[in-house]
C-alpha cells in the first residue's frame, strides 16, 4: 500500500500539486494499522492509501487539508477507545500518533520577459532553489546560453505561451516584459488563472494605466486584487540587479508565508496627476 502512496506522491510533486502525507508514527494496544502506514491527501480531497479507516482517519483527512492551506505540519494523538472507535465500530482499545506533513514541489517561477531585470532575476531565483522558466518572444534575449543549466527558456510571445500551457497553481508568475503593451497582454492572459503569485513591474502610474485598460475591458476589480504591483519589496534599489533582488525577496517572503497579500491593492492605486516615476530598466 505504501508503494502506491509513494508513487502517487512522486507524481503529485512532478505535476506541481500540493499534498499532505499522513503517517502513523506510534501506536500502542490494538490498532487497525501499524506504525508506518500512510495516506496521501490532495488539496482537492482525493486520497491514496489508508491509516485504518473510521472517524479518526476522517479527522486526520480534514487536518491534512488544513495543513496544506497553512503549510505547517501537525501531530495528532488518537485514543481509539473513545468516541472515534465507538462511532466507527472499531473496538480497538489502542492509542495512535499521526504525523501530518504538507508537501509541495520546488516552486516554479515563470519570468515573462528576459531583459535586464528578467535575466538577473532568472539567475538569482535559480540559485535560490526555484524551478525557473523564462519566456520572451525575442530569440536573442531568450537564448539558453544566457541562463544557468536547468533553466527552461522559451522563445514565444508570453500570452500565446500562457494560452497553450498549463501553469500549476503553486507557481509564481513575474511580468517584466519590455513595455506597457506587452505587460498588459501578459497580465490579461494570467489574471484568470489561480496562481500562488502574480507580480507586475512598473511605477504606480504605469500599473494604474494597465489596470484601467483591463477594467475598461470588463474585468472585475477583484480579479486584480491579488496582483503584486508594483512588484517587489521596497528596498530602494534602482539598478536592474537591485530590482531583481527586490522581486526575489518578495517571492521568498510569499513562499515562506511571511507575505500573504499584495502590499498594493488596486483600490489604493489612484491617478493623482503626479508625475510618474521612471519605469525600471528592463
Protein backbone atom coordinates (compact mmCIF):
# COMPACT_ATOMS: atom_id res chain seq x y z
CA UNK A 1 0.00 0.00 0.00
CA UNK A 2 2.79 2.45 0.86
CA UNK A 3 4.34 1.87 -2.57
CA UNK A 4 1.12 3.17 -4.10
CA UNK A 5 1.27 6.20 -1.80
CA UNK A 6 4.89 6.95 -2.70
CA UNK A 7 4.15 6.63 -6.42
CA UNK A 8 1.21 9.00 -6.08
CA UNK A 9 3.33 11.44 -4.04
CA UNK A 10 6.05 11.46 -6.69
CA UNK A 11 3.52 12.10 -9.44
CA UNK A 12 1.80 14.86 -7.45
CA UNK A 13 5.05 16.72 -6.87
CA UNK A 14 6.04 16.27 -10.51
CA UNK A 15 2.69 17.79 -11.53
CA UNK A 16 3.10 20.72 -9.14
CA UNK A 17 0.29 19.67 -6.77
CA UNK A 18 0.14 20.42 -3.06
CA UNK A 19 -0.49 17.38 -0.86
CA UNK A 20 -0.14 16.19 2.73
CA UNK A 21 1.38 12.90 3.80
CA UNK A 22 -0.31 11.32 6.84
CA UNK A 23 1.81 8.73 8.67
CA UNK A 24 1.20 6.65 11.80
CA UNK A 25 4.30 7.32 13.91
CA UNK A 26 3.43 5.48 17.13
CA UNK A 27 0.79 3.06 18.36
CA UNK A 28 0.04 1.07 21.49
CA UNK A 29 -2.57 -1.55 22.11
CA UNK A 30 -4.87 -2.81 19.38
CA UNK A 31 -4.98 -0.53 16.32
CA UNK A 32 -6.27 -1.20 12.78
CA UNK A 33 -2.96 -0.22 11.15
CA UNK A 34 0.64 -0.46 12.30
CA UNK A 35 3.35 2.19 12.55
CA UNK A 36 4.41 3.44 9.14
CA UNK A 37 1.01 3.18 7.45
CA UNK A 38 0.45 6.18 5.20
CA UNK A 39 -2.29 8.13 3.49
CA UNK A 40 -1.78 10.85 0.90
CA UNK A 41 -4.32 13.70 0.90
CA UNK A 42 -4.66 16.08 -2.03
CA UNK A 43 -5.82 19.69 -1.81
CA UNK A 44 -8.93 18.79 -3.82
CA UNK A 45 -9.91 16.00 -1.41
CA UNK A 46 -8.59 12.93 -3.21
CA UNK A 47 -6.77 10.33 -1.14
CA UNK A 48 -4.43 7.42 -1.73
CA UNK A 49 -3.73 4.81 0.94
CA UNK A 50 -5.22 4.47 4.42
CA UNK A 51 -4.30 4.71 8.08
CA UNK A 52 -7.09 2.35 9.05
CA UNK A 53 -10.42 3.98 8.30
CA UNK A 54 -13.05 5.14 10.72
CA UNK A 55 -13.68 8.50 12.31
CA UNK A 56 -10.04 9.09 13.25
CA UNK A 57 -8.99 8.74 9.60
CA UNK A 58 -11.72 11.19 8.64
CA UNK A 59 -10.44 13.60 11.29
CA UNK A 60 -6.86 13.20 10.02
CA UNK A 61 -8.11 13.85 6.49
CA UNK A 62 -9.57 17.24 7.45
CA UNK A 63 -6.50 18.12 9.49
CA UNK A 64 -4.38 17.29 6.41
CA UNK A 65 -6.48 19.65 4.29
CA UNK A 66 -5.89 22.38 6.88
CA UNK A 67 -2.16 21.65 6.90
CA UNK A 68 -1.97 22.07 3.13
CA UNK A 69 -3.52 25.53 3.39
CA UNK A 70 -1.43 26.57 6.40
CA UNK A 71 1.74 24.90 5.07
CA UNK A 72 2.52 23.72 8.59
CA UNK A 73 2.90 20.13 9.87
CA UNK A 74 0.72 18.71 12.62
CA UNK A 75 0.94 15.83 15.10
CA UNK A 76 -2.33 14.25 16.22
CA UNK A 77 -3.00 11.79 19.04
CA UNK A 78 -5.99 9.46 18.90
CA UNK A 79 -7.47 7.34 21.68
CA UNK A 80 -9.16 4.50 19.81
CA UNK A 81 -11.22 3.57 22.86
CA UNK A 82 -13.01 6.90 22.81
CA UNK A 83 -15.75 8.22 20.54
CA UNK A 84 -13.66 7.67 17.43
CA UNK A 85 -13.76 3.93 17.97
CA UNK A 86 -17.37 3.86 19.16
CA UNK A 87 -18.72 5.82 16.18
CA UNK A 88 -16.80 3.76 13.62
CA UNK A 89 -17.48 0.38 15.18
CA UNK A 90 -13.77 -0.25 15.65
CA UNK A 91 -13.32 -1.81 19.07
CA UNK A 92 -9.55 -1.46 19.12
CA UNK A 93 -8.73 -0.06 22.52
CA UNK A 94 -5.37 1.35 21.44
CA UNK A 95 -3.68 4.70 21.03
CA UNK A 96 -2.12 6.16 17.93
CA UNK A 97 0.02 9.17 16.98
CA UNK A 98 -0.20 10.54 13.45
CA UNK A 99 2.17 12.99 11.77
CA UNK A 100 0.67 15.15 9.03
CA UNK A 101 3.25 16.72 6.71
CA UNK A 102 2.24 19.17 3.97
CA UNK A 103 4.43 18.76 0.90
CA UNK A 104 4.85 20.85 -2.21
CA UNK A 105 7.28 20.75 -5.11
CA UNK A 106 10.14 23.18 -5.52
CA UNK A 107 8.10 26.16 -6.66
CA UNK A 108 8.06 27.09 -10.33
CA UNK A 109 8.62 30.71 -11.23
CA UNK A 110 7.67 31.85 -14.71
CA UNK A 111 9.52 35.01 -15.74
CA UNK A 112 7.80 36.72 -18.65
CA UNK A 113 10.47 38.93 -20.15
CA UNK A 114 14.20 38.29 -20.48
CA UNK A 115 15.55 41.84 -20.47
CA UNK A 116 17.94 43.24 -17.88
CA UNK A 117 15.69 42.72 -14.86
CA UNK A 118 14.33 39.40 -16.08
CA UNK A 119 17.77 37.95 -16.81
CA UNK A 120 19.10 38.95 -13.39
CA UNK A 121 16.01 37.55 -11.66
CA UNK A 122 16.26 34.24 -13.51
CA UNK A 123 19.83 33.68 -12.30
CA UNK A 124 19.06 34.67 -8.71
CA UNK A 125 15.84 32.65 -8.47
CA UNK A 126 17.61 29.57 -9.82
CA UNK A 127 20.27 29.90 -7.13
CA UNK A 128 17.53 30.34 -4.50
CA UNK A 129 16.00 26.95 -5.33
CA UNK A 130 13.13 27.88 -7.63
CA UNK A 131 12.46 25.94 -10.82
CA UNK A 132 12.77 28.76 -13.32
CA UNK A 133 11.15 29.19 -16.72
CA UNK A 134 11.75 32.30 -18.82
CA UNK A 135 9.56 33.25 -21.77
CA UNK A 136 10.34 36.02 -24.27
CA UNK A 137 9.43 36.41 -27.94
CA UNK A 138 12.91 37.72 -28.78
CA UNK A 139 15.25 34.88 -29.68
CA UNK A 140 18.34 36.87 -28.71
CA UNK A 141 17.01 37.53 -25.21
CA UNK A 142 15.59 34.04 -24.59
CA UNK A 143 18.76 32.28 -25.78
CA UNK A 144 19.53 29.40 -23.42
CA UNK A 145 23.21 30.31 -23.13
CA UNK A 146 22.25 33.44 -21.18
CA UNK A 147 20.92 31.33 -18.30
CA UNK A 148 22.19 28.65 -15.91
CA UNK A 149 21.76 24.95 -16.68
CA UNK A 150 18.36 23.75 -15.53
CA UNK A 151 16.53 26.94 -16.52
CA UNK A 152 13.91 26.44 -19.23
CA UNK A 153 13.98 29.20 -21.84
CA UNK A 154 11.22 29.59 -24.42
CA UNK A 155 11.05 31.84 -27.47
CA UNK A 156 7.37 32.76 -27.79
CA UNK A 157 5.03 35.63 -27.12
CA UNK A 158 4.02 35.31 -23.45
CA UNK A 159 0.20 35.46 -23.98
CA UNK A 160 0.36 32.73 -26.62
CA UNK A 161 2.55 30.57 -24.41
CA UNK A 162 0.23 31.07 -21.42
CA UNK A 163 -2.78 30.08 -23.52
CA UNK A 164 -1.12 26.90 -24.76
CA UNK A 165 0.46 25.67 -21.50
CA UNK A 166 -0.66 24.66 -18.02
CA UNK A 167 0.82 26.67 -15.15
CA UNK A 168 0.48 24.82 -11.81
CA UNK A 169 -1.47 26.61 -9.07
CA UNK A 170 1.63 26.59 -6.85
CA UNK A 171 3.57 28.67 -9.39
CA UNK A 172 4.86 32.23 -9.27
CA UNK A 173 4.42 34.45 -12.34
CA UNK A 174 6.58 37.54 -12.83
CA UNK A 175 5.74 40.06 -15.56
CA UNK A 176 8.83 42.04 -16.59
CA UNK A 177 8.35 42.38 -20.34
CA UNK A 178 9.82 45.17 -22.44
CA UNK A 179 6.90 47.57 -22.40
CA UNK A 180 3.40 48.60 -21.38
CA UNK A 181 1.62 46.83 -24.25
CA UNK A 182 3.38 43.52 -23.58
CA UNK A 183 2.80 43.79 -19.82
CA UNK A 184 -0.89 44.42 -20.45
CA UNK A 185 -1.36 41.43 -22.75
CA UNK A 186 0.59 39.15 -20.41
CA UNK A 187 -1.37 40.19 -17.33
CA UNK A 188 -4.63 39.81 -19.28
CA UNK A 189 -3.67 36.20 -20.02
CA UNK A 190 -2.74 35.46 -16.39
CA UNK A 191 -5.47 37.06 -14.28
CA UNK A 192 -7.98 34.27 -14.88
CA UNK A 193 -5.62 31.61 -13.52
CA UNK A 194 -5.36 30.52 -9.90
CA UNK A 195 -1.70 31.02 -9.08
CA UNK A 196 0.21 31.46 -5.85
CA UNK A 197 1.75 34.73 -7.01
CA UNK A 198 1.41 37.18 -9.89
CA UNK A 199 3.61 40.29 -9.97
CA UNK A 200 3.76 43.19 -12.42
CA UNK A 201 6.72 45.56 -12.81
CA UNK A 202 6.37 49.34 -13.20
CA UNK A 203 5.59 52.59 -11.42
CA UNK A 204 2.25 53.10 -9.67
CA UNK A 205 1.11 55.33 -12.55
CA UNK A 206 2.02 52.68 -15.12
CA UNK A 207 0.28 49.96 -13.10
CA UNK A 208 -2.80 52.17 -12.84
CA UNK A 209 -2.90 52.54 -16.62
CA UNK A 210 -2.63 48.78 -17.12
CA UNK A 211 -5.38 48.18 -14.55
CA UNK A 212 -7.64 50.83 -16.09
CA UNK A 213 -7.29 49.23 -19.51
CA UNK A 214 -8.30 45.82 -18.15
CA UNK A 215 -11.20 47.28 -16.14
CA UNK A 216 -12.46 49.06 -19.24
CA UNK A 217 -12.49 45.69 -20.99
CA UNK A 218 -14.91 44.46 -18.32
CA UNK A 219 -12.53 42.71 -15.93
CA UNK A 220 -13.85 42.64 -12.36
CA UNK A 221 -11.69 44.65 -9.89
CA UNK A 222 -11.47 41.60 -7.62
CA UNK A 223 -9.51 39.80 -10.34
CA UNK A 224 -6.67 42.30 -9.85
CA UNK A 225 -6.74 42.41 -6.06
CA UNK A 226 -4.21 39.59 -5.75
CA UNK A 227 -1.65 41.05 -8.15
CA UNK A 228 1.57 42.30 -6.56
CA UNK A 229 2.08 45.64 -8.29
CA UNK A 230 4.33 47.48 -8.34
CA UNK A 231 6.31 44.28 -7.98
CA UNK A 232 8.96 43.63 -5.32
CA UNK A 233 9.71 44.77 -1.81
CA UNK A 234 10.62 48.42 -1.47
CA UNK A 235 14.38 48.18 -0.90
CA UNK A 236 15.19 51.49 -2.55
CA UNK A 237 17.24 49.97 -5.39
CA UNK A 238 17.16 51.30 -8.96
CA UNK A 239 19.57 49.13 -10.99
CA UNK A 240 18.28 46.01 -12.78
CA UNK A 241 20.16 43.81 -10.34
CA UNK A 242 18.77 45.64 -7.31
CA UNK A 243 15.25 45.47 -8.72
CA UNK A 244 15.71 41.73 -9.31
CA UNK A 245 16.79 41.33 -5.66
CA UNK A 246 13.64 43.16 -4.50
CA UNK A 247 11.45 40.87 -6.64
CA UNK A 248 13.20 37.73 -5.42
CA UNK A 249 12.83 38.92 -1.82
CA UNK A 250 9.08 39.20 -2.35
CA UNK A 251 8.92 35.73 -3.93
CA UNK A 252 10.78 34.25 -0.95
CA UNK A 253 8.53 36.08 1.52
CA UNK A 254 5.43 34.66 -0.18
CA UNK A 255 6.99 31.20 -0.43
CA UNK A 256 7.58 31.06 3.33
CA UNK A 257 4.29 32.67 4.36
CA UNK A 258 5.82 35.96 5.53
CA UNK A 259 3.80 37.88 2.94
CA UNK A 260 0.27 36.68 2.26
CA UNK A 261 -1.25 39.63 0.41
CA UNK A 262 -0.01 42.26 -2.02
CA UNK A 263 1.40 45.40 -0.44
CA UNK A 264 -0.56 47.39 -3.03
CA UNK A 265 -4.23 46.73 -3.83
CA UNK A 266 -5.99 48.03 -6.93
CA UNK A 267 -8.12 50.36 -4.82
CA UNK A 268 -5.02 52.04 -3.39
CA UNK A 269 -3.51 52.77 -6.80
CA UNK A 270 -5.02 56.02 -7.94
CA UNK A 271 -4.05 58.51 -10.58
CA UNK A 272 -3.47 61.77 -8.78
CA UNK A 273 -1.92 63.78 -11.61
CA UNK A 274 1.57 63.45 -10.18
CA UNK A 275 4.49 62.90 -12.48
CA UNK A 276 5.06 59.17 -12.80
CA UNK A 277 8.29 57.71 -11.50
CA UNK A 278 10.57 56.29 -14.18
CA UNK A 279 9.73 52.74 -15.18
CA UNK A 280 12.63 50.49 -14.09
CA UNK A 281 15.03 49.45 -16.84
CA UNK A 282 14.27 46.01 -18.17
